[in-house]
Every structure is written in structure tokens, then in C-alpha cells.
Amino acid sequence: MEKILGDFELPYHPDLLVGLDTRDDAGVFKISEEIALIQTMDFFTPMVDDPYVFGQVAAANAINDVYAMGGKPLLAMNLVCFPQCADLYVLKEILRGGLDKIKEAGALLVGGHTVDDNEPKYGLSVTGIVHPDKIIGNSGAKPGDILFLTKPLGNGVIATAIKADMVSKEAYEEAVYWMTMLNKEACEAMIEAEVHAATDITGFGLIGHLYEMASGSDVKVEIYSSKVGFMQETLDHARMGLIPGGAYTNRDYLIDKVNINPGVDSIVADLLFSPETAGGLLIAVSEEKAEKLVKGLKNRKCAFFEIGKVTGSGYDKIEILL
């Protein structure tokens, strides 16, 4: 979107609280002193064969943008591309999977739109709400903050292995577990801890979203590659070359924005750039509130990894350490 818009001057509106300038997970518009609307959308092609699971994953991926802003999902609309000649049972299962995730989020499905297309695609447009003073954007990280990640990485690699019919049943089921998981519980924990910034990890990969956080917050950050969690079989498949092409696209774009220290495993480094689907929350929280965040995540049985810290003010290259 940034490349397409170029230098276009966008109109200013005082009630637009989050727009395009910070490349955040969603737009936020203030409608009263107590309520701001969160607006987002996402859709993509299948990464698994099971249409019901695909519907769940795509819906979770879109809904999680609202949780990344500290908000509550309210309304959803289906976005569907589907071949007119294909089996409508498949479409029914995709929509059923999406609806189940919408219900789980406590939101309402209020419509949608379908287009005849050669390749199936599915996702949602989602509207949420948040208090105008309690928005958690991606540009509020502060020096001294601790960085947490609430899901392991690797579903891009596992999806590639699935297409090659090389993934085990156990690894497939784990990837599906993480991809269909809403970030609702982790969102509640980060609200309680009054975190400074958050974003969810999706197609731009961990480093891409960390770059947006660091540059938007104008801070220096470092991450510890050995502390990042990975789904089972991710490293094995990656070492066999089953890394999605998007990882290299992301790396080529971001390579001048990082400093990969000697000793960091080259495959692990590649995976930090790899696209994720419905990934976890990347959270920046003060050192004083970190324990409260950890307690909240543990109480909700959420996974978490302490992966780095904000080392100072003034954006500079992201340091990737061992």
C-alpha cells in the first residue's frame, strides 16, 4: 500500500486516531469520547486442504488485527472469491469455519460479498471497538521495554511442507492449532499490563513487523534468535529448503534495516523474515510491568517467549543476536 500511494497527500481528519502513517494493523476512528472504531480486512488463498480449517485460519488472521490494537471485535463481513464451477460444499465449509471463529470472538457476521474467481480466496472485513485512550498501536515502544512474542514461528514453512506432502500429522496439527487460535486471551493480558505497543505477526514476518514497531516508535531494538520459539519440524524442513518465497522477498526488502550478528544460525535468521499466518502478538512492555504481563499470560495459559528489548531512543538497524 505504501508503494502504491507514493507521495499522495492524504486528507487530515482530527478523529482519525490511527491511519496509514504508522503502517499499523488496523485503522482507528474516534466516534465519541468513549468509543473508537477499529477497521481492518484480510483475505488470502488456502494454505491447507481442509476447507473448514482454511475458513478458521483466514477468519482468525483478520480478527486478530483487532486484538493487536487492544480492541474488541464487533462485526464481520465475508470476503469470498470462488470458482463458479467448483463444489459448493467446499465453499460452505470455508464459510462455516469462518463463522465459528467469528462466534468465538463474540462478533456478529452481518454480510459479505462473493466474486467468481478461478482460485478460492477467503477472509473478513472486521469492525471492532476500543476506548480512544486505550488504543495499543505499534508505535508506542519505549527505551527499556521488554519484547514478548505469544506464538511460536513457523507456519509459513509448515504450509510449504504441507504442499510438498512432507509434513507429519503431529506438525500439521500443531500448525493448525496455532493458526486457528484467536489472540483474544493474549490481548486481555496485555491490556491488564498496560503495555506500550503491540502488533500481530503476519505476512511481513517477525522482522518486518518489528521494523514497523521500531521505526514507528523511533527506538533501537535487539532480539535474541535463540529465544524465539519455533513449531515442531520447522527447522528441519527449513534446512531442506522448504522456506516460502515470501521469506526471501521480506529479507530482500529489510536486509539494510537489520544487523545479523556473527554466530546467528543462517536458517534461523531466514525464518525470522518468513511470512506467518494468524501469528502471535509482538508486545513491548515496560520492565516494571513485564511480570504482570507474564502472570496474565500464564493465568490464561497463553504461550510466550521473551525475545528481546528496546535498547534506546532513535531508530537504528535492528540487532539480531544469538
Protein backbone atom coordinates (compact mmCIF):
# COMPACT_ATOMS: atom_id res chain seq x y z
CA MET A 1 0.00 0.00 0.00
CA GLU A 2 2.82 2.39 0.87
CA LYS A 3 4.47 1.87 -2.54
CA ILE A 4 1.16 2.34 -4.37
CA LEU A 5 0.22 5.55 -2.57
CA GLY A 6 3.66 7.04 -3.08
CA ASP A 7 3.67 10.73 -2.26
CA PHE A 8 -0.11 11.18 -2.41
CA GLU A 9 -1.25 13.65 0.21
CA LEU A 10 -3.99 12.07 2.26
CA PRO A 11 -6.67 14.26 3.85
CA TYR A 12 -6.28 15.01 7.56
CA HIS A 13 -9.14 14.33 9.95
CA PRO A 14 -8.85 15.03 13.70
CA ASP A 15 -10.83 11.92 14.63
CA LEU A 16 -8.63 9.55 12.62
CA LEU A 17 -6.56 8.22 15.52
CA VAL A 18 -4.62 5.58 13.58
CA GLY A 19 -4.16 5.88 9.83
CA LEU A 20 -1.60 4.87 7.24
CA ASP A 21 1.39 6.73 8.62
CA THR A 22 2.50 4.08 11.15
CA ARG A 23 1.57 1.05 8.98
CA ASP A 24 -0.42 -0.33 11.90
CA ASP A 25 -2.62 -3.44 11.96
CA ALA A 26 -5.88 -1.51 11.54
CA GLY A 27 -7.33 1.95 11.18
CA VAL A 28 -8.96 3.59 14.21
CA PHE A 29 -11.56 6.37 14.06
CA LYS A 30 -12.94 8.18 17.10
CA ILE A 31 -16.73 8.45 17.15
CA SER A 32 -17.22 9.62 20.76
CA GLU A 33 -15.26 10.29 23.92
CA GLU A 34 -15.77 6.64 24.92
CA ILE A 35 -15.68 4.72 21.64
CA ALA A 36 -13.38 4.46 18.67
CA LEU A 37 -13.97 2.17 15.71
CA ILE A 38 -11.27 -0.27 14.58
CA GLN A 39 -11.43 -1.24 10.90
CA THR A 40 -9.41 -3.97 9.18
CA MET A 41 -9.64 -6.62 6.47
CA ASP A 42 -7.61 -9.53 5.16
CA PHE A 43 -8.10 -12.48 2.82
CA PHE A 44 -5.90 -14.97 1.01
CA THR A 45 -5.66 -18.31 -0.78
CA PRO A 46 -5.79 -21.68 1.04
CA MET A 47 -2.66 -22.96 2.81
CA VAL A 48 -4.31 -26.23 3.93
CA ASP A 49 -6.51 -28.73 2.09
CA ASP A 50 -9.32 -28.86 4.66
CA PRO A 51 -11.80 -26.09 3.72
CA TYR A 52 -13.22 -25.81 7.24
CA VAL A 53 -9.74 -25.32 8.71
CA PHE A 54 -8.91 -22.81 5.98
CA GLY A 55 -12.01 -20.80 6.92
CA GLN A 56 -10.96 -20.79 10.57
CA VAL A 57 -7.41 -19.71 9.78
CA ALA A 58 -8.44 -16.91 7.44
CA ALA A 59 -11.00 -15.59 9.90
CA ALA A 60 -8.57 -15.71 12.83
CA ASN A 61 -5.95 -13.91 10.76
CA ALA A 62 -8.33 -10.99 10.12
CA ILE A 63 -9.91 -10.84 13.58
CA ASN A 64 -6.51 -10.84 15.28
CA ASP A 65 -5.78 -7.39 13.86
CA VAL A 66 -8.44 -6.02 16.22
CA TYR A 67 -6.85 -7.76 19.20
CA ALA A 68 -3.47 -6.32 18.22
CA MET A 69 -4.95 -2.85 18.73
CA GLY A 70 -6.29 -3.76 22.17
CA GLY A 71 -9.84 -3.84 20.85
CA LYS A 72 -12.96 -5.99 20.84
CA PRO A 73 -14.28 -7.43 17.53
CA LEU A 74 -17.84 -6.34 16.87
CA LEU A 75 -18.92 -7.02 13.27
CA ALA A 76 -17.55 -9.10 10.40
CA MET A 77 -18.27 -9.38 6.68
CA ASN A 78 -17.18 -12.27 4.44
CA LEU A 79 -14.82 -11.60 1.53
CA VAL A 80 -15.03 -14.55 -0.89
CA CYS A 81 -13.56 -15.43 -4.28
CA PHE A 82 -14.70 -18.83 -5.52
CA PRO A 83 -14.92 -20.66 -8.88
CA GLN A 84 -18.49 -20.82 -10.12
CA CYS A 85 -17.95 -24.39 -11.34
CA ALA A 86 -16.48 -25.71 -8.07
CA ASP A 87 -18.21 -27.83 -5.43
CA LEU A 88 -20.36 -25.55 -3.26
CA TYR A 89 -19.85 -27.90 -0.32
CA VAL A 90 -16.25 -26.65 -0.18
CA LEU A 91 -17.47 -23.05 -0.03
CA LYS A 92 -19.98 -23.98 2.67
CA GLU A 93 -17.22 -25.50 4.79
CA ILE A 94 -14.96 -22.45 4.36
CA LEU A 95 -17.76 -20.15 5.48
CA ARG A 96 -18.67 -22.47 8.37
CA GLY A 97 -15.08 -22.37 9.60
CA GLY A 98 -15.02 -18.60 9.40
CA LEU A 99 -18.36 -18.25 11.17
CA ASP A 100 -17.23 -20.45 14.05
CA LYS A 101 -14.24 -18.14 14.64
CA ILE A 102 -16.45 -15.05 14.40
CA LYS A 103 -18.72 -16.55 17.05
CA GLU A 104 -15.74 -17.47 19.23
CA ALA A 105 -14.63 -13.82 19.10
CA GLY A 106 -18.10 -12.72 20.22
CA ALA A 107 -18.66 -10.80 16.98
CA LEU A 108 -21.55 -10.89 14.52
CA LEU A 109 -21.49 -11.80 10.84
CA VAL A 110 -23.52 -9.14 9.00
CA GLY A 111 -22.98 -9.95 5.33
CA GLY A 112 -20.26 -10.05 2.74
CA HIS A 113 -19.56 -10.32 -0.97
CA THR A 114 -18.64 -13.16 -3.33
CA VAL A 115 -16.80 -12.91 -6.67
CA ASP A 116 -16.40 -15.62 -9.29
CA ASP A 117 -12.66 -16.37 -9.47
CA ASN A 118 -10.50 -19.25 -10.69
CA GLU A 119 -8.73 -19.57 -7.34
CA PRO A 120 -10.55 -19.69 -3.98
CA LYS A 121 -9.82 -16.87 -1.57
CA TYR A 122 -11.43 -16.07 1.75
CA GLY A 123 -11.17 -13.60 4.58
CA LEU A 124 -13.05 -10.96 6.52
CA SER A 125 -13.60 -7.29 6.87
CA VAL A 126 -13.81 -6.70 10.62
CA THR A 127 -15.03 -3.80 12.70
CA GLY A 128 -14.06 -3.56 16.36
CA ILE A 129 -14.25 -1.04 19.17
CA VAL A 130 -11.76 0.35 21.67
CA HIS A 131 -11.65 3.27 24.08
CA PRO A 132 -9.87 6.18 22.35
CA ASP A 133 -7.43 6.49 25.26
CA LYS A 134 -6.63 2.77 25.38
CA ILE A 135 -5.54 2.05 21.82
CA ILE A 136 -2.46 -0.17 21.65
CA GLY A 137 -0.65 0.78 18.46
CA ASN A 138 2.62 -0.44 17.02
CA SER A 139 4.43 2.87 17.51
CA GLY A 140 4.49 3.30 21.31
CA ALA A 141 7.54 1.23 22.28
CA LYS A 142 9.88 2.97 24.75
CA PRO A 143 13.53 2.54 25.76
CA GLY A 144 13.87 -0.19 28.36
CA ASP A 145 10.81 -2.13 27.14
CA ILE A 146 10.93 -5.92 27.05
CA LEU A 147 9.74 -7.64 23.86
CA PHE A 148 7.46 -10.69 24.06
CA LEU A 149 6.04 -12.96 21.36
CA THR A 150 2.90 -15.00 22.10
CA LYS A 151 3.10 -17.77 19.49
CA PRO A 152 5.97 -19.76 18.01
CA LEU A 153 7.01 -19.06 14.42
CA GLY A 154 6.98 -21.48 11.53
CA ASN A 155 3.55 -21.91 9.97
CA GLY A 156 4.82 -20.49 6.66
CA VAL A 157 7.40 -23.27 6.47
CA ILE A 158 4.90 -25.92 7.60
CA ALA A 159 2.40 -24.73 4.97
CA THR A 160 5.13 -25.11 2.34
CA ALA A 161 5.89 -28.61 3.64
CA ILE A 162 2.18 -29.47 3.52
CA LYS A 163 2.10 -28.60 -0.19
CA ALA A 164 5.10 -30.88 -0.70
CA ASP A 165 3.34 -33.65 1.30
CA MET A 166 6.34 -33.81 3.65
CA VAL A 167 4.85 -32.81 6.99
CA SER A 168 3.95 -35.22 9.79
CA LYS A 169 0.45 -35.41 11.24
CA GLU A 170 1.74 -34.04 14.56
CA ALA A 171 3.42 -31.00 12.98
CA TYR A 172 0.35 -30.33 10.82
CA GLU A 173 -1.96 -30.44 13.83
CA GLU A 174 0.30 -28.13 15.82
CA ALA A 175 0.44 -25.58 13.00
CA VAL A 176 -3.34 -25.68 12.66
CA TYR A 177 -3.68 -25.22 16.42
CA TRP A 178 -1.63 -22.01 16.34
CA MET A 179 -3.10 -20.66 13.08
CA THR A 180 -6.69 -21.06 14.24
CA MET A 181 -6.02 -19.55 17.66
CA LEU A 182 -7.51 -16.13 18.31
CA ASN A 183 -5.24 -13.71 20.17
CA LYS A 184 -8.13 -12.83 22.47
CA GLU A 185 -6.59 -14.12 25.71
CA ALA A 186 -3.18 -12.57 24.99
CA CYS A 187 -4.93 -9.28 24.21
CA GLU A 188 -6.65 -9.31 27.60
CA ALA A 189 -3.32 -9.94 29.32
CA MET A 190 -1.58 -7.08 27.54
CA ILE A 191 -4.44 -4.69 28.33
CA GLU A 192 -4.15 -5.56 32.02
CA ALA A 193 -0.40 -4.93 31.91
CA GLU A 194 -0.81 -1.55 30.17
CA VAL A 195 1.74 -2.42 27.50
CA HIS A 196 3.25 0.31 25.36
CA ALA A 197 2.95 -1.24 21.89
CA ALA A 198 1.81 -4.35 20.06
CA THR A 199 1.37 -5.81 16.61
CA ASP A 200 0.49 -9.25 15.29
CA ILE A 201 2.91 -11.26 13.18
CA THR A 202 1.57 -11.98 9.70
CA GLY A 203 2.85 -11.75 6.13
CA PHE A 204 5.71 -9.32 6.81
CA GLY A 205 7.34 -11.79 9.21
CA LEU A 206 8.72 -11.14 12.68
CA ILE A 207 11.48 -8.80 11.47
CA GLY A 208 9.12 -6.89 9.18
CA HIS A 209 6.64 -6.19 11.95
CA LEU A 210 9.43 -5.45 14.43
CA TYR A 211 10.86 -2.97 11.93
CA GLU A 212 7.48 -1.22 11.73
CA MET A 213 7.35 -1.06 15.52
CA ALA A 214 10.92 0.19 15.92
CA SER A 215 10.79 2.78 13.15
CA GLY A 216 7.31 3.97 14.15
CA SER A 217 8.40 4.29 17.78
CA ASP A 218 11.80 5.78 16.84
CA VAL A 219 13.67 3.32 19.06
CA LYS A 220 16.57 0.87 18.85
CA VAL A 221 15.76 -2.80 19.38
CA GLU A 222 17.58 -6.11 19.64
CA ILE A 223 16.22 -9.62 19.52
CA TYR A 224 17.74 -12.91 20.62
CA SER A 225 17.32 -15.52 17.90
CA SER A 226 17.93 -18.39 20.33
CA LYS A 227 14.91 -17.35 22.42
CA VAL A 228 12.42 -17.32 19.56
CA GLY A 229 10.14 -20.36 19.64
CA PHE A 230 9.50 -22.46 16.53
CA MET A 231 6.82 -25.02 15.76
CA GLN A 232 7.96 -28.63 15.56
CA GLU A 233 9.67 -29.65 12.30
CA THR A 234 10.06 -26.01 11.22
CA LEU A 235 13.85 -26.01 11.41
CA ASP A 236 14.13 -29.46 9.82
CA HIS A 237 12.00 -28.50 6.82
CA ALA A 238 13.75 -25.15 6.51
CA ARG A 239 17.13 -26.87 6.35
CA MET A 240 15.75 -28.95 3.46
CA GLY A 241 14.92 -25.73 1.61
CA LEU A 242 11.18 -25.65 2.29
CA ILE A 243 11.15 -21.93 3.07
CA PRO A 244 8.34 -19.88 1.48
CA GLY A 245 9.34 -17.43 -1.22
CA GLY A 246 7.87 -14.60 0.84
CA ALA A 247 10.70 -15.03 3.35
CA TYR A 248 13.24 -14.02 0.72
CA THR A 249 11.06 -11.18 -0.53
CA ASN A 250 10.81 -9.85 3.02
CA ARG A 251 14.53 -10.32 3.61
CA ASP A 252 15.49 -8.51 0.40
CA TYR A 253 13.34 -5.55 1.43
CA LEU A 254 14.54 -5.49 5.05
CA ILE A 255 18.17 -6.56 4.80
CA ASP A 256 19.53 -3.00 5.05
CA LYS A 257 17.38 -2.47 8.15
CA VAL A 258 18.97 -5.24 10.22
CA ASN A 259 22.38 -6.24 11.51
CA ILE A 260 22.69 -10.02 11.80
CA ASN A 261 25.45 -10.74 14.29
CA PRO A 262 28.06 -13.48 13.76
CA GLY A 263 27.02 -16.77 15.30
CA VAL A 264 23.33 -16.45 14.38
CA ASP A 265 22.23 -19.59 12.52
CA SER A 266 21.58 -18.58 8.90
CA ILE A 267 18.45 -20.75 8.68
CA VAL A 268 17.06 -19.29 11.89
CA ALA A 269 17.80 -15.81 10.54
CA ASP A 270 15.86 -16.63 7.35
CA LEU A 271 12.89 -17.82 9.43
CA LEU A 272 12.74 -14.50 11.26
CA PHE A 273 11.80 -12.95 7.89
CA SER A 274 9.35 -15.70 6.93
CA PRO A 275 5.65 -14.84 6.48
CA GLU A 276 3.30 -16.07 9.20
CA THR A 277 -0.45 -16.59 9.10
CA ALA A 278 -2.50 -15.59 12.16
CA GLY A 279 0.71 -15.30 14.16
CA GLY A 280 1.11 -14.23 17.74
CA LEU A 281 1.32 -10.77 19.25
CA LEU A 282 4.64 -8.96 19.41
CA ILE A 283 4.40 -6.90 22.60
CA ALA A 284 6.56 -4.12 24.02
CA VAL A 285 6.06 -3.67 27.76
CA SER A 286 7.95 -1.74 30.41
CA GLU A 287 10.34 -3.71 32.61
CA GLU A 288 8.19 -2.77 35.61
CA LYS A 289 5.03 -4.24 34.03
CA ALA A 290 6.67 -7.26 32.39
CA GLU A 291 5.99 -9.51 35.38
CA LYS A 292 2.32 -8.54 35.33
CA LEU A 293 2.13 -9.38 31.62
CA VAL A 294 3.79 -12.76 32.21
CA LYS A 295 1.41 -13.52 35.07
CA GLY A 296 -1.60 -12.60 32.92
CA LEU A 297 -0.39 -14.76 30.06
CA LYS A 298 0.29 -17.70 32.37
CA ASN A 299 -3.11 -17.38 34.03
CA ARG A 300 -4.73 -17.60 30.59
CA LYS A 301 -2.48 -20.49 29.54
CA CYS A 302 -1.00 -18.41 26.71
CA ALA A 303 2.37 -19.27 25.22
CA PHE A 304 5.01 -16.56 25.35
CA PHE A 305 8.66 -16.02 24.55
CA GLU A 306 10.81 -13.16 25.84
CA ILE A 307 12.70 -12.40 22.64
CA GLY A 308 14.37 -9.02 23.03
CA LYS A 309 14.34 -5.49 24.33
CA VAL A 310 14.27 -1.84 23.36
CA THR A 311 17.78 -0.58 23.98
CA GLY A 312 17.43 3.15 23.41
CA SER A 313 15.79 6.01 21.58
CA GLY A 314 16.49 6.96 17.98
CA TYR A 315 15.70 4.29 15.39
CA ASP A 316 18.65 2.34 14.05
CA LYS A 317 19.16 -1.08 12.47
CA ILE A 318 17.54 -3.99 14.30
CA GLU A 319 20.22 -6.04 16.03
CA ILE A 320 19.70 -9.79 15.61
CA LEU A 321 21.78 -11.52 18.27
CA LEU A 322 22.45 -15.13 19.11
